[in-house]
Amino acid sequence: MAIRTLISACFFFVTSLCCAQQNYIDSLENLVKTTPNDTSKVWLLNRLVTTLREGDNNKALMYAHQAKELAEVLNYERGLGWALENLGWLSYRQGDDSRAFELATQALKISEKYRDYPAIARCLNSVAATYYEQKQYDVALANFKKAFHAAKLGKDLTTTARSLNNIAFTLMYLNDYDSAALYAETALRSSQKAGNTYLAGFAYRTLGDIDLHHKRFEESLENFWKTLELADKVQNRFLKVSTLHRVGGAHISLQQPDLALKYLLENIDLAKKFGATRAINVEEEDVVEVIRKETNGEMCD
């Protein structure tokens, strides 16, 4: 009952402030500061981390550790499962795949114990992401599809949309671009239905990747600009930095090295500032140095 009351208070407060993302974060942080160290505070901390984790990994990590430690002290297993899932995702974003897999599988066991299908779906997405990074695309795809079905069972529109996006993204790396396009379009509609701006941006980014593959460079830039517009709208820094290097790549393909350098440098700076190093293309810094030499270090405004 206490958790339900706090949830209602939180959403009422956010709605009164026009539901702006930053106001939502501020309201959660204020509630965290004033809530006693009970299960309600664990819930609030986890909710705050889930809201922050695609925007500011460093701050999200601080709160995630607080949630885990308090859940352990209170012996609050479901809260611990959510905290572990958040920590696993943050580890993934920082490039620590082994740690991410370990935490996600721990969280998955807890979620399965309580038949918490939305949580199961989130954990499976994290597990699948680590397989994806190891280039085990078939295994990743199977787990993303399991996540999709779990999200549907749990009637979780947001995780359903996330899973569809991940399926589309993985299909590209299995060279099934036609299916990837279909899933990305479905993901876009699902994201819009869920009212999730970040995931809609993710779908546009995937569609831009598909355009890049087919050498439709101008079309890819149109989709990437839609992604960046949505990323700025919700202040989602990971989505922004993961798209900027694609914008740079498109300008390289269009033989516009000055523009490519501008966006690649912006990408690297943002990624390092907010702890989203996963969003830097592996070869990006080398590419920047090559472009610097080709343009004599000059950049357009």
Protein backbone atom coordinates (compact mmCIF):
# COMPACT_ATOMS: atom_id res chain seq x y z
CA MET A 1 0.00 0.00 0.00
CA ALA A 2 2.83 2.39 0.85
CA ILE A 3 4.48 1.76 -2.51
CA ARG A 4 1.19 2.28 -4.33
CA THR A 5 0.63 5.59 -2.51
CA LEU A 6 4.12 6.79 -3.38
CA ILE A 7 3.68 5.80 -7.02
CA SER A 8 0.43 7.77 -7.21
CA ALA A 9 2.02 10.78 -5.52
CA CYS A 10 4.99 10.64 -7.85
CA PHE A 11 2.91 10.51 -11.02
CA PHE A 12 0.52 13.20 -9.78
CA PHE A 13 3.45 15.49 -9.09
CA VAL A 14 5.00 14.78 -12.48
CA THR A 15 1.72 15.35 -14.33
CA SER A 16 1.28 18.72 -12.62
CA LEU A 17 4.63 19.73 -14.08
CA CYS A 18 3.59 18.82 -17.63
CA CYS A 19 5.29 15.42 -17.47
CA ALA A 20 8.65 16.84 -18.59
CA GLN A 21 11.46 14.30 -18.37
CA GLN A 22 13.70 16.44 -16.20
CA ASN A 23 10.85 17.28 -13.84
CA TYR A 24 10.11 13.57 -13.55
CA ILE A 25 13.72 12.88 -12.60
CA ASP A 26 13.77 15.77 -10.15
CA SER A 27 10.55 14.58 -8.50
CA LEU A 28 11.94 11.06 -8.09
CA GLU A 29 15.18 12.38 -6.60
CA ASN A 30 13.26 14.53 -4.13
CA LEU A 31 11.12 11.58 -3.07
CA VAL A 32 14.22 9.40 -2.63
CA LYS A 33 15.70 11.99 -0.26
CA THR A 34 12.57 12.18 1.90
CA THR A 35 11.49 8.53 1.96
CA PRO A 36 12.52 6.29 4.90
CA ASN A 37 14.82 3.36 4.22
CA ASP A 38 12.10 0.83 3.46
CA THR A 39 10.90 -1.13 0.42
CA SER A 40 9.22 1.99 -0.96
CA LYS A 41 12.61 3.68 -1.20
CA VAL A 42 14.07 0.67 -3.02
CA TRP A 43 11.23 0.96 -5.55
CA LEU A 44 11.85 4.68 -6.01
CA LEU A 45 15.59 4.20 -6.41
CA ASN A 46 15.07 1.50 -9.02
CA ARG A 47 12.54 3.62 -10.88
CA LEU A 48 14.98 6.54 -10.84
CA VAL A 49 17.81 4.37 -12.20
CA THR A 50 15.61 3.00 -14.98
CA THR A 51 14.75 6.59 -15.95
CA LEU A 52 18.35 7.79 -15.81
CA ARG A 53 20.23 4.86 -17.28
CA GLU A 54 19.96 5.84 -20.95
CA GLY A 55 20.85 9.45 -20.22
CA ASP A 56 23.47 9.68 -17.50
CA ASN A 57 25.14 6.37 -16.73
CA ASN A 58 27.35 7.81 -14.00
CA LYS A 59 24.48 9.15 -11.89
CA ALA A 60 22.37 6.06 -12.60
CA LEU A 61 25.18 3.83 -11.34
CA MET A 62 25.35 5.70 -8.03
CA TYR A 63 21.63 5.23 -7.36
CA ALA A 64 21.69 1.61 -8.59
CA HIS A 65 24.26 0.68 -5.95
CA GLN A 66 22.11 2.38 -3.30
CA ALA A 67 19.08 0.35 -4.41
CA LYS A 68 21.02 -2.91 -4.32
CA GLU A 69 22.52 -2.27 -0.89
CA LEU A 70 19.20 -1.24 0.67
CA ALA A 71 17.35 -4.19 -0.90
CA GLU A 72 19.95 -6.55 0.57
CA VAL A 73 19.66 -4.97 4.04
CA LEU A 74 15.86 -5.27 3.90
CA ASN A 75 15.97 -8.75 2.37
CA TYR A 76 13.65 -7.38 -0.33
CA GLU A 77 14.21 -9.90 -3.12
CA ARG A 78 12.03 -8.41 -5.84
CA GLY A 79 13.63 -5.00 -5.31
CA LEU A 80 17.05 -6.65 -5.44
CA GLY A 81 16.16 -8.31 -8.73
CA TRP A 82 15.29 -4.94 -10.30
CA ALA A 83 18.48 -3.39 -8.91
CA LEU A 84 20.58 -6.23 -10.36
CA GLU A 85 18.86 -5.86 -13.73
CA ASN A 86 19.66 -2.13 -13.76
CA LEU A 87 23.28 -2.76 -12.75
CA GLY A 88 23.59 -5.38 -15.46
CA TRP A 89 22.37 -2.96 -18.10
CA LEU A 90 24.68 -0.22 -16.87
CA SER A 91 27.61 -2.66 -16.99
CA TYR A 92 26.65 -3.47 -20.57
CA ARG A 93 26.58 0.22 -21.49
CA GLN A 94 30.08 0.56 -20.03
CA GLY A 95 31.35 -2.35 -22.11
CA ASP A 96 31.71 -4.90 -19.29
CA ASP A 97 29.87 -7.79 -20.96
CA SER A 98 30.87 -10.53 -18.52
CA ARG A 99 29.65 -8.51 -15.54
CA ALA A 100 26.49 -7.55 -17.42
CA PHE A 101 25.71 -11.19 -18.19
CA GLU A 102 26.34 -12.27 -14.60
CA LEU A 103 24.06 -9.60 -13.13
CA ALA A 104 21.32 -10.09 -15.73
CA THR A 105 21.18 -13.85 -15.15
CA GLN A 106 20.99 -13.32 -11.37
CA ALA A 107 18.13 -10.89 -11.88
CA LEU A 108 16.44 -13.29 -14.31
CA LYS A 109 16.33 -16.07 -11.70
CA ILE A 110 14.60 -13.75 -9.23
CA SER A 111 12.14 -12.51 -11.85
CA GLU A 112 11.27 -16.06 -12.91
CA LYS A 113 10.68 -17.03 -9.27
CA TYR A 114 7.94 -14.40 -9.02
CA ARG A 115 6.69 -14.87 -12.61
CA ASP A 116 7.26 -11.17 -13.16
CA TYR A 117 7.00 -11.18 -16.96
CA PRO A 118 7.95 -7.53 -17.60
CA ALA A 119 11.06 -8.02 -15.44
CA ILE A 120 11.81 -11.33 -17.19
CA ALA A 121 11.60 -9.54 -20.53
CA ARG A 122 13.97 -6.78 -19.39
CA CYS A 123 16.49 -9.34 -18.11
CA LEU A 124 16.30 -11.36 -21.33
CA ASN A 125 16.98 -8.21 -23.33
CA SER A 126 20.13 -7.65 -21.26
CA VAL A 127 21.24 -11.28 -21.62
CA ALA A 128 20.63 -11.14 -25.36
CA ALA A 129 22.58 -7.88 -25.66
CA THR A 130 25.69 -9.55 -24.23
CA TYR A 131 25.37 -12.40 -26.75
CA TYR A 132 25.01 -9.80 -29.47
CA GLU A 133 28.25 -8.11 -28.45
CA GLN A 134 30.01 -11.48 -28.64
CA LYS A 135 28.71 -11.75 -32.23
CA GLN A 136 26.54 -14.72 -31.30
CA TYR A 137 23.71 -13.22 -33.30
CA ASP A 138 21.54 -16.34 -33.56
CA VAL A 139 21.58 -16.83 -29.78
CA ALA A 140 20.96 -13.10 -29.25
CA LEU A 141 18.01 -13.18 -31.64
CA ALA A 142 16.46 -16.18 -29.86
CA ASN A 143 16.68 -14.38 -26.52
CA PHE A 144 15.32 -11.12 -27.91
CA LYS A 145 12.34 -13.07 -29.23
CA LYS A 146 11.85 -14.69 -25.81
CA ALA A 147 11.94 -11.20 -24.33
CA PHE A 148 9.28 -10.08 -26.80
CA HIS A 149 6.95 -12.93 -25.82
CA ALA A 150 7.52 -12.32 -22.09
CA ALA A 151 6.77 -8.62 -22.53
CA LYS A 152 3.56 -9.49 -24.37
CA LEU A 153 2.53 -11.84 -21.55
CA GLY A 154 3.22 -9.08 -19.06
CA LYS A 155 1.34 -6.53 -21.22
CA ASP A 156 4.40 -4.29 -21.04
CA LEU A 157 4.14 -2.02 -24.08
CA THR A 158 7.51 -0.39 -23.54
CA THR A 159 9.51 -3.62 -23.26
CA THR A 160 7.54 -5.07 -26.19
CA ALA A 161 8.68 -2.12 -28.30
CA ARG A 162 12.25 -2.43 -27.00
CA SER A 163 12.34 -6.14 -27.87
CA LEU A 164 11.04 -5.48 -31.39
CA ASN A 165 13.73 -2.85 -31.86
CA ASN A 166 16.39 -5.30 -30.69
CA ILE A 167 15.11 -8.03 -33.01
CA ALA A 168 15.27 -5.63 -35.95
CA PHE A 169 18.77 -4.50 -35.02
CA THR A 170 20.05 -8.08 -34.71
CA LEU A 171 18.49 -9.17 -38.00
CA MET A 172 20.66 -6.60 -39.77
CA TYR A 173 23.75 -8.38 -38.52
CA LEU A 174 22.34 -11.64 -39.83
CA ASN A 175 22.09 -9.89 -43.22
CA ASP A 176 18.31 -10.15 -43.26
CA TYR A 177 17.63 -6.52 -44.06
CA ASP A 178 14.12 -7.07 -45.41
CA SER A 179 12.96 -8.65 -42.14
CA ALA A 180 14.90 -6.03 -40.17
CA ALA A 181 12.99 -3.27 -41.96
CA LEU A 182 9.63 -4.92 -41.19
CA TYR A 183 10.49 -5.33 -37.50
CA ALA A 184 11.83 -1.78 -37.31
CA GLU A 185 8.60 -0.38 -38.76
CA THR A 186 6.61 -2.48 -36.29
CA ALA A 187 8.89 -1.31 -33.48
CA LEU A 188 8.30 2.31 -34.48
CA ARG A 189 4.53 1.88 -34.31
CA SER A 190 4.78 0.00 -31.00
CA SER A 191 7.05 2.68 -29.56
CA GLN A 192 4.63 5.40 -30.55
CA LYS A 193 1.74 3.40 -29.07
CA ALA A 194 3.69 3.03 -25.83
CA GLY A 195 4.42 6.76 -25.88
CA ASN A 196 8.15 6.06 -25.63
CA THR A 197 10.13 8.72 -27.46
CA TYR A 198 13.49 7.02 -26.90
CA LEU A 199 12.37 3.76 -28.48
CA ALA A 200 10.81 5.59 -31.42
CA GLY A 201 14.22 7.19 -31.93
CA PHE A 202 15.83 3.75 -31.74
CA ALA A 203 13.52 2.55 -34.53
CA TYR A 204 14.37 5.54 -36.73
CA ARG A 205 18.07 4.85 -36.09
CA THR A 206 17.69 1.25 -37.26
CA LEU A 207 15.83 2.39 -40.36
CA GLY A 208 18.71 4.78 -40.98
CA ASP A 209 21.17 1.89 -40.66
CA ILE A 210 19.18 -0.05 -43.24
CA ASP A 211 19.28 2.95 -45.58
CA LEU A 212 23.05 3.15 -45.09
CA HIS A 213 23.39 -0.51 -46.05
CA HIS A 214 21.49 0.14 -49.26
CA LYS A 215 23.65 3.25 -49.90
CA ARG A 216 20.67 5.57 -49.54
CA PHE A 217 22.79 8.11 -47.71
CA GLU A 218 20.43 11.09 -47.84
CA GLU A 219 17.53 8.94 -46.63
CA SER A 220 19.69 7.56 -43.82
CA LEU A 221 20.53 11.08 -42.67
CA GLU A 222 16.82 11.97 -42.61
CA ASN A 223 16.17 9.06 -40.24
CA PHE A 224 19.22 9.89 -38.11
CA TRP A 225 18.09 13.51 -37.77
CA LYS A 226 14.68 12.28 -36.60
CA THR A 227 16.50 10.16 -34.02
CA LEU A 228 18.60 13.08 -32.82
CA GLU A 229 15.54 15.31 -32.56
CA LEU A 230 13.82 12.74 -30.35
CA ALA A 231 16.99 12.15 -28.32
CA ASP A 232 17.24 15.86 -27.56
CA LYS A 233 13.55 16.00 -26.72
CA VAL A 234 13.97 13.50 -23.87
CA GLN A 235 17.62 14.38 -23.13
CA ASN A 236 18.67 10.83 -23.93
CA ARG A 237 22.41 11.07 -24.31
CA PHE A 238 23.08 7.44 -25.19
CA LEU A 239 20.70 7.60 -28.14
CA LYS A 240 22.34 10.84 -29.23
CA VAL A 241 25.91 9.60 -29.10
CA SER A 242 25.03 6.26 -30.69
CA THR A 243 23.53 8.18 -33.61
CA LEU A 244 26.14 10.90 -34.05
CA HIS A 245 28.81 8.44 -35.21
CA ARG A 246 26.31 7.16 -37.80
CA VAL A 247 25.78 10.72 -39.01
CA GLY A 248 29.55 11.03 -39.28
CA GLY A 249 29.73 7.78 -41.25
CA ALA A 250 27.03 8.96 -43.67
CA HIS A 251 28.96 12.18 -44.31
CA ILE A 252 32.12 10.16 -44.94
CA SER A 253 30.19 8.15 -47.56
CA LEU A 254 28.99 11.42 -49.09
CA GLN A 255 32.64 12.56 -49.21
CA GLN A 256 32.06 15.37 -46.71
CA PRO A 257 34.97 14.86 -44.30
CA ASP A 258 34.63 18.25 -42.60
CA LEU A 259 31.06 17.48 -41.51
CA ALA A 260 32.04 13.94 -40.57
CA LEU A 261 34.79 15.24 -38.29
CA LYS A 262 32.42 17.68 -36.61
CA TYR A 263 29.90 15.01 -35.64
CA LEU A 264 32.45 12.34 -34.72
CA LEU A 265 34.23 14.71 -32.34
CA GLU A 266 30.93 15.73 -30.75
CA ASN A 267 30.08 12.05 -30.33
CA ILE A 268 33.33 11.15 -28.60
CA ASP A 269 33.11 14.11 -26.21
CA LEU A 270 29.52 13.33 -25.19
CA ALA A 271 30.13 9.60 -24.77
CA LYS A 272 33.11 10.12 -22.48
CA LYS A 273 31.38 12.83 -20.47
CA PHE A 274 28.32 10.74 -19.63
CA GLY A 275 29.92 7.31 -19.29
CA ALA A 276 28.41 5.90 -22.49
CA THR A 277 31.63 4.52 -23.95
CA ARG A 278 29.73 1.66 -25.58
CA ALA A 279 28.27 4.27 -27.95
CA ILE A 280 31.67 5.09 -29.44
CA ASN A 281 32.37 3.12 -32.57
CA VAL A 282 35.44 0.94 -32.00
CA GLU A 283 37.35 2.54 -34.85
CA GLU A 284 35.92 6.01 -34.45
CA GLU A 285 38.87 7.71 -32.82
CA ASP A 286 41.18 6.36 -35.54
CA VAL A 287 38.78 7.65 -38.20
CA VAL A 288 38.80 11.08 -36.56
CA GLU A 289 42.58 11.22 -36.79
CA VAL A 290 42.50 10.28 -40.49
CA ILE A 291 39.91 12.98 -41.22
CA ARG A 292 41.94 15.53 -39.25
CA LYS A 293 44.89 14.90 -41.52
CA GLU A 294 42.79 15.00 -44.67
CA THR A 295 41.20 18.33 -43.71
CA ASN A 296 44.29 19.80 -42.04
CA GLY A 297 42.34 19.94 -38.79
CA GLU A 298 39.74 22.34 -40.22
CA MET A 299 36.05 21.96 -39.52
CA CYS A 300 32.98 23.63 -40.92
CA ASP A 301 30.74 25.68 -38.60
